Amino acid sequence: MSSVGNAYPVTEGDAPKRHEWPLWEIFIRGQHGMSHRHVGSLHAPDAEMAIKNARDVYTRRNEGVSIWVVEARHISASSPSDKGPFYEPSESKVYRHPTFFDIPDEVGAM
C-alpha cells in the first residue's frame, strides 16, 4: 500500500475528522466613506491573520483605510419576520428621530 494518502486518517466506523479554521466576516472602510461595509468572509486561524488575509483578498490599490474582522459565530441578527414587533416601539419615541434635534452647522457629515 502506498504511503501517499489521506491527510486525515480514518478510523474504523468514523468519518474523517477535519479541523477548519474559524470563519471571519470582513468589513472594510473605504477612503471616501465614513462607515465600514461587509465585503466577504474568509477562514483564518486568528484575528491577526484574518486582517492580513483580508487586506490581500479584499483591498486593491490602497482603497481601504480600515479593516474590521469579526468571527462569524459572534454575529447575531434579527429575523426579517420580526420587523413589526422589533421596530414598532420606536414610533412612540420621537426623541430618536433625526428631526428632533437641531444640528449645528459646524457638525459635518450628518
N, C-alpha and C. Protein backbone atom coordinates (compact mmCIF):
# COMPACT_ATOMS: atom_id res chain seq x y z
N MET A 1 0.84 -1.18 0.00
CA MET A 1 0.00 0.00 0.00
C MET A 1 0.88 1.24 0.00
N SER A 2 0.49 2.24 -0.73
CA SER A 2 1.27 3.47 -0.87
C SER A 2 1.20 4.30 0.41
N SER A 3 2.29 5.00 0.72
CA SER A 3 2.29 5.87 1.89
C SER A 3 1.62 7.20 1.61
N VAL A 4 1.42 7.50 0.32
CA VAL A 4 0.72 8.72 -0.06
C VAL A 4 -0.76 8.47 0.14
N GLY A 5 -1.42 9.36 0.83
CA GLY A 5 -2.84 9.10 1.06
C GLY A 5 -3.53 10.22 1.77
N ASN A 6 -4.47 9.85 2.56
CA ASN A 6 -5.35 10.79 3.23
C ASN A 6 -4.62 11.54 4.34
N ALA A 7 -4.73 12.85 4.31
CA ALA A 7 -4.10 13.66 5.35
C ALA A 7 -4.86 13.56 6.67
N TYR A 8 -6.10 13.10 6.59
CA TYR A 8 -6.93 12.92 7.77
C TYR A 8 -7.22 11.44 7.92
N PRO A 9 -6.51 10.76 8.80
CA PRO A 9 -6.70 9.32 8.92
C PRO A 9 -8.12 8.95 9.31
N VAL A 10 -8.58 7.88 8.73
CA VAL A 10 -9.93 7.40 9.00
C VAL A 10 -9.83 6.23 9.96
N THR A 11 -10.57 6.32 11.05
CA THR A 11 -10.63 5.18 11.96
C THR A 11 -11.87 4.39 11.62
N GLU A 12 -11.85 3.14 11.92
CA GLU A 12 -12.95 2.27 11.55
C GLU A 12 -14.27 2.78 12.12
N GLY A 13 -15.26 2.94 11.24
CA GLY A 13 -16.58 3.39 11.66
C GLY A 13 -16.73 4.89 11.84
N ASP A 14 -15.65 5.64 11.66
CA ASP A 14 -15.72 7.09 11.82
C ASP A 14 -15.47 7.78 10.49
N ALA A 15 -16.08 8.93 10.33
CA ALA A 15 -15.78 9.77 9.17
C ALA A 15 -14.47 10.49 9.44
N PRO A 16 -13.80 10.96 8.39
CA PRO A 16 -12.56 11.72 8.62
C PRO A 16 -12.83 12.93 9.50
N LYS A 17 -11.92 13.23 10.39
CA LYS A 17 -12.06 14.40 11.25
C LYS A 17 -11.26 15.53 10.64
N ARG A 18 -11.96 16.57 10.28
CA ARG A 18 -11.31 17.73 9.67
C ARG A 18 -11.44 18.90 10.63
N HIS A 19 -10.38 19.62 10.76
CA HIS A 19 -10.39 20.79 11.65
C HIS A 19 -10.21 22.02 10.77
N GLU A 20 -11.29 22.79 10.65
CA GLU A 20 -11.23 24.00 9.84
C GLU A 20 -10.96 25.20 10.73
N TRP A 21 -10.30 26.18 10.13
CA TRP A 21 -10.12 27.44 10.82
C TRP A 21 -11.47 28.13 10.94
N PRO A 22 -11.62 29.01 11.92
CA PRO A 22 -12.90 29.72 12.07
C PRO A 22 -13.18 30.62 10.87
N LEU A 23 -14.46 30.86 10.65
CA LEU A 23 -14.90 31.75 9.58
C LEU A 23 -14.95 33.17 10.13
N TRP A 24 -14.37 34.11 9.39
CA TRP A 24 -14.33 35.53 9.79
C TRP A 24 -15.11 36.35 8.77
N GLU A 25 -15.91 37.29 9.25
CA GLU A 25 -16.62 38.24 8.38
C GLU A 25 -15.76 39.48 8.28
N ILE A 26 -15.64 40.01 7.07
CA ILE A 26 -14.72 41.11 6.79
C ILE A 26 -15.50 42.38 6.47
N PHE A 27 -15.13 43.47 7.14
CA PHE A 27 -15.72 44.79 6.92
C PHE A 27 -14.59 45.76 6.60
N ILE A 28 -14.76 46.55 5.53
CA ILE A 28 -13.72 47.49 5.12
C ILE A 28 -14.30 48.89 5.01
N ARG A 29 -13.56 49.86 5.51
CA ARG A 29 -13.92 51.27 5.37
C ARG A 29 -13.11 51.83 4.22
N GLY A 30 -13.79 52.39 3.23
CA GLY A 30 -13.12 52.99 2.08
C GLY A 30 -12.60 54.38 2.40
N GLN A 31 -11.74 54.89 1.54
CA GLN A 31 -11.15 56.21 1.75
C GLN A 31 -12.19 57.32 1.75
N HIS A 32 -13.26 57.14 0.99
CA HIS A 32 -14.24 58.21 0.86
C HIS A 32 -15.52 57.93 1.64
N GLY A 33 -15.45 57.03 2.59
CA GLY A 33 -16.64 56.69 3.36
C GLY A 33 -16.44 56.91 4.84
N MET A 34 -17.54 56.96 5.55
CA MET A 34 -17.49 57.14 6.99
C MET A 34 -17.77 55.84 7.73
N SER A 35 -18.22 54.82 7.01
CA SER A 35 -18.59 53.58 7.68
C SER A 35 -17.95 52.37 7.00
N HIS A 36 -17.87 51.30 7.75
CA HIS A 36 -17.35 50.04 7.22
C HIS A 36 -18.50 49.31 6.52
N ARG A 37 -18.18 48.55 5.48
CA ARG A 37 -19.21 47.74 4.82
C ARG A 37 -18.70 46.31 4.70
N HIS A 38 -19.63 45.39 4.75
CA HIS A 38 -19.29 43.98 4.67
C HIS A 38 -18.87 43.66 3.24
N VAL A 39 -17.70 43.04 3.09
CA VAL A 39 -17.19 42.73 1.75
C VAL A 39 -17.06 41.24 1.51
N GLY A 40 -17.10 40.43 2.55
CA GLY A 40 -16.99 38.99 2.35
C GLY A 40 -16.57 38.26 3.61
N SER A 41 -16.17 37.01 3.40
CA SER A 41 -15.78 36.13 4.50
C SER A 41 -14.52 35.38 4.12
N LEU A 42 -13.80 34.91 5.14
CA LEU A 42 -12.65 34.04 4.89
C LEU A 42 -12.35 33.23 6.14
N HIS A 43 -11.59 32.17 5.96
CA HIS A 43 -11.16 31.33 7.08
C HIS A 43 -9.74 31.73 7.46
N ALA A 44 -9.48 31.82 8.76
CA ALA A 44 -8.14 32.14 9.27
C ALA A 44 -8.03 31.60 10.69
N PRO A 45 -6.80 31.32 11.14
CA PRO A 45 -6.63 30.77 12.49
C PRO A 45 -6.88 31.77 13.61
N ASP A 46 -6.66 33.07 13.35
CA ASP A 46 -6.84 34.08 14.38
C ASP A 46 -7.13 35.43 13.73
N ALA A 47 -7.45 36.42 14.56
CA ALA A 47 -7.83 37.75 14.06
C ALA A 47 -6.70 38.42 13.30
N GLU A 48 -5.49 38.29 13.79
CA GLU A 48 -4.35 38.92 13.12
C GLU A 48 -4.17 38.39 11.70
N MET A 49 -4.25 37.09 11.54
CA MET A 49 -4.11 36.50 10.21
C MET A 49 -5.32 36.84 9.34
N ALA A 50 -6.50 36.94 9.95
CA ALA A 50 -7.70 37.31 9.20
C ALA A 50 -7.56 38.71 8.62
N ILE A 51 -6.99 39.64 9.40
CA ILE A 51 -6.78 41.00 8.90
C ILE A 51 -5.78 41.00 7.75
N LYS A 52 -4.69 40.27 7.90
CA LYS A 52 -3.69 40.22 6.83
C LYS A 52 -4.26 39.60 5.56
N ASN A 53 -5.01 38.50 5.71
CA ASN A 53 -5.61 37.87 4.54
C ASN A 53 -6.68 38.76 3.91
N ALA A 54 -7.46 39.45 4.74
CA ALA A 54 -8.49 40.35 4.22
C ALA A 54 -7.86 41.48 3.42
N ARG A 55 -6.74 41.99 3.90
CA ARG A 55 -6.03 43.04 3.17
C ARG A 55 -5.64 42.53 1.78
N ASP A 56 -5.11 41.32 1.72
CA ASP A 56 -4.66 40.76 0.45
C ASP A 56 -5.82 40.41 -0.48
N VAL A 57 -6.92 39.92 0.09
CA VAL A 57 -8.03 39.44 -0.73
C VAL A 57 -9.00 40.55 -1.12
N TYR A 58 -9.31 41.46 -0.19
CA TYR A 58 -10.42 42.39 -0.40
C TYR A 58 -10.02 43.84 -0.65
N THR A 59 -8.75 44.18 -0.65
CA THR A 59 -8.37 45.56 -0.95
C THR A 59 -7.45 45.59 -2.15
N ARG A 60 -7.63 46.59 -2.97
CA ARG A 60 -6.77 46.80 -4.14
C ARG A 60 -6.44 48.28 -4.21
N ARG A 61 -5.31 48.59 -4.73
CA ARG A 61 -4.89 49.97 -4.98
C ARG A 61 -5.08 50.87 -3.76
N ASN A 62 -4.86 50.33 -2.58
CA ASN A 62 -4.91 51.11 -1.33
C ASN A 62 -6.24 51.81 -1.07
N GLU A 63 -7.37 51.22 -1.53
CA GLU A 63 -8.63 51.92 -1.32
C GLU A 63 -9.17 51.78 0.10
N GLY A 64 -8.73 50.81 0.86
CA GLY A 64 -9.23 50.66 2.23
C GLY A 64 -8.38 51.43 3.22
N VAL A 65 -9.03 52.02 4.21
CA VAL A 65 -8.28 52.72 5.26
C VAL A 65 -8.40 52.01 6.60
N SER A 66 -9.35 51.08 6.71
CA SER A 66 -9.54 50.35 7.97
C SER A 66 -10.23 49.02 7.68
N ILE A 67 -9.80 47.98 8.38
CA ILE A 67 -10.39 46.65 8.22
C ILE A 67 -10.86 46.17 9.58
N TRP A 68 -12.10 45.70 9.62
CA TRP A 68 -12.62 45.04 10.81
C TRP A 68 -12.81 43.57 10.46
N VAL A 69 -12.46 42.68 11.39
CA VAL A 69 -12.77 41.26 11.23
C VAL A 69 -13.53 40.81 12.47
N VAL A 70 -14.57 40.02 12.25
CA VAL A 70 -15.39 39.51 13.34
C VAL A 70 -15.61 38.02 13.10
N GLU A 71 -15.31 37.22 14.10
CA GLU A 71 -15.56 35.80 13.95
C GLU A 71 -17.06 35.59 13.76
N ALA A 72 -17.42 34.88 12.71
CA ALA A 72 -18.82 34.74 12.31
C ALA A 72 -19.71 34.21 13.43
N ARG A 73 -19.19 33.35 14.27
CA ARG A 73 -20.02 32.77 15.33
C ARG A 73 -20.43 33.80 16.38
N HIS A 74 -19.81 34.98 16.37
CA HIS A 74 -20.14 36.02 17.33
C HIS A 74 -21.16 37.03 16.79
N ILE A 75 -21.62 36.84 15.57
CA ILE A 75 -22.60 37.75 14.98
C ILE A 75 -24.00 37.20 15.19
N SER A 76 -24.87 38.05 15.70
CA SER A 76 -26.28 37.69 15.88
C SER A 76 -27.10 38.67 15.06
N ALA A 77 -28.23 38.21 14.56
CA ALA A 77 -29.06 39.07 13.72
C ALA A 77 -30.53 38.85 14.05
N SER A 78 -31.31 39.89 13.84
CA SER A 78 -32.75 39.75 13.99
C SER A 78 -33.31 39.12 12.72
N SER A 79 -34.49 38.58 12.83
CA SER A 79 -35.15 37.95 11.69
C SER A 79 -36.04 38.97 10.98
N PRO A 80 -36.06 38.97 9.65
CA PRO A 80 -36.96 39.89 8.93
C PRO A 80 -38.42 39.69 9.32
N SER A 81 -38.79 38.50 9.73
CA SER A 81 -40.18 38.25 10.13
C SER A 81 -40.53 38.95 11.44
N ASP A 82 -39.53 39.38 12.21
CA ASP A 82 -39.76 40.08 13.47
C ASP A 82 -39.79 41.60 13.29
N LYS A 83 -39.82 42.07 12.06
CA LYS A 83 -39.71 43.50 11.79
C LYS A 83 -40.77 44.31 12.55
N GLY A 84 -42.02 43.90 12.47
CA GLY A 84 -43.09 44.64 13.13
C GLY A 84 -42.88 44.79 14.62
N PRO A 85 -42.86 43.69 15.37
CA PRO A 85 -42.70 43.79 16.82
C PRO A 85 -41.35 44.36 17.25
N PHE A 86 -40.34 44.15 16.43
CA PHE A 86 -39.00 44.58 16.81
C PHE A 86 -38.82 46.08 16.68
N TYR A 87 -39.36 46.68 15.61
CA TYR A 87 -39.15 48.10 15.35
C TYR A 87 -40.33 48.99 15.71
N GLU A 88 -41.48 48.42 15.92
CA GLU A 88 -42.67 49.20 16.20
C GLU A 88 -42.54 50.13 17.41
N PRO A 89 -41.93 49.72 18.51
CA PRO A 89 -41.84 50.61 19.67
C PRO A 89 -41.12 51.93 19.39
N SER A 90 -40.31 52.00 18.35
CA SER A 90 -39.56 53.23 18.08
C SER A 90 -40.46 54.36 17.60
N GLU A 91 -41.64 54.05 17.09
CA GLU A 91 -42.55 55.09 16.61
C GLU A 91 -42.99 56.02 17.74
N SER A 92 -43.07 55.52 18.95
CA SER A 92 -43.52 56.34 20.07
C SER A 92 -42.39 57.12 20.73
N LYS A 93 -41.18 56.98 20.22
CA LYS A 93 -40.02 57.66 20.81
C LYS A 93 -39.50 58.71 19.84
N VAL A 94 -40.19 59.84 19.78
CA VAL A 94 -39.84 60.88 18.81
C VAL A 94 -38.46 61.46 19.04
N TYR A 95 -37.96 61.35 20.26
CA TYR A 95 -36.62 61.87 20.54
C TYR A 95 -35.54 61.09 19.80
N ARG A 96 -35.88 59.95 19.25
CA ARG A 96 -34.91 59.18 18.46
C ARG A 96 -34.92 59.57 16.98
N HIS A 97 -35.88 60.34 16.57
CA HIS A 97 -35.97 60.76 15.17
C HIS A 97 -34.97 61.88 14.90
N PRO A 98 -34.36 61.89 13.73
CA PRO A 98 -33.34 62.91 13.44
C PRO A 98 -33.89 64.33 13.42
N THR A 99 -35.20 64.50 13.23
CA THR A 99 -35.77 65.84 13.20
C THR A 99 -35.98 66.42 14.60
N PHE A 100 -35.79 65.64 15.63
CA PHE A 100 -35.99 66.09 17.00
C PHE A 100 -34.88 67.03 17.45
N PHE A 101 -33.69 66.89 16.87
CA PHE A 101 -32.53 67.67 17.29
C PHE A 101 -32.16 68.71 16.24
N ASP A 102 -31.69 69.86 16.73
CA ASP A 102 -31.12 70.86 15.84
C ASP A 102 -29.63 70.58 15.74
N ILE A 103 -29.15 70.36 14.53
CA ILE A 103 -27.74 70.04 14.33
C ILE A 103 -27.01 71.33 13.96
N PRO A 104 -25.98 71.69 14.72
CA PRO A 104 -25.22 72.91 14.42
C PRO A 104 -24.54 72.80 13.05
N ASP A 105 -24.37 73.93 12.40
CA ASP A 105 -23.74 73.96 11.08
C ASP A 105 -22.30 73.47 11.13
N GLU A 106 -21.65 73.60 12.30
CA GLU A 106 -20.26 73.18 12.42
C GLU A 106 -20.08 71.66 12.34
N VAL A 107 -21.17 70.95 12.60
CA VAL A 107 -21.10 69.48 12.56
C VAL A 107 -21.25 69.04 11.11
N GLY A 108 -20.23 68.39 10.61
CA GLY A 108 -20.28 67.92 9.23
C GLY A 108 -20.62 66.44 9.14
N ALA A 109 -20.85 65.98 7.94
CA ALA A 109 -21.09 64.57 7.63
C ALA A 109 -22.28 63.99 8.39
N MET A 110 -23.34 64.77 8.54
CA MET A 110 -24.53 64.23 9.20
C MET A 110 -25.67 64.14 8.22
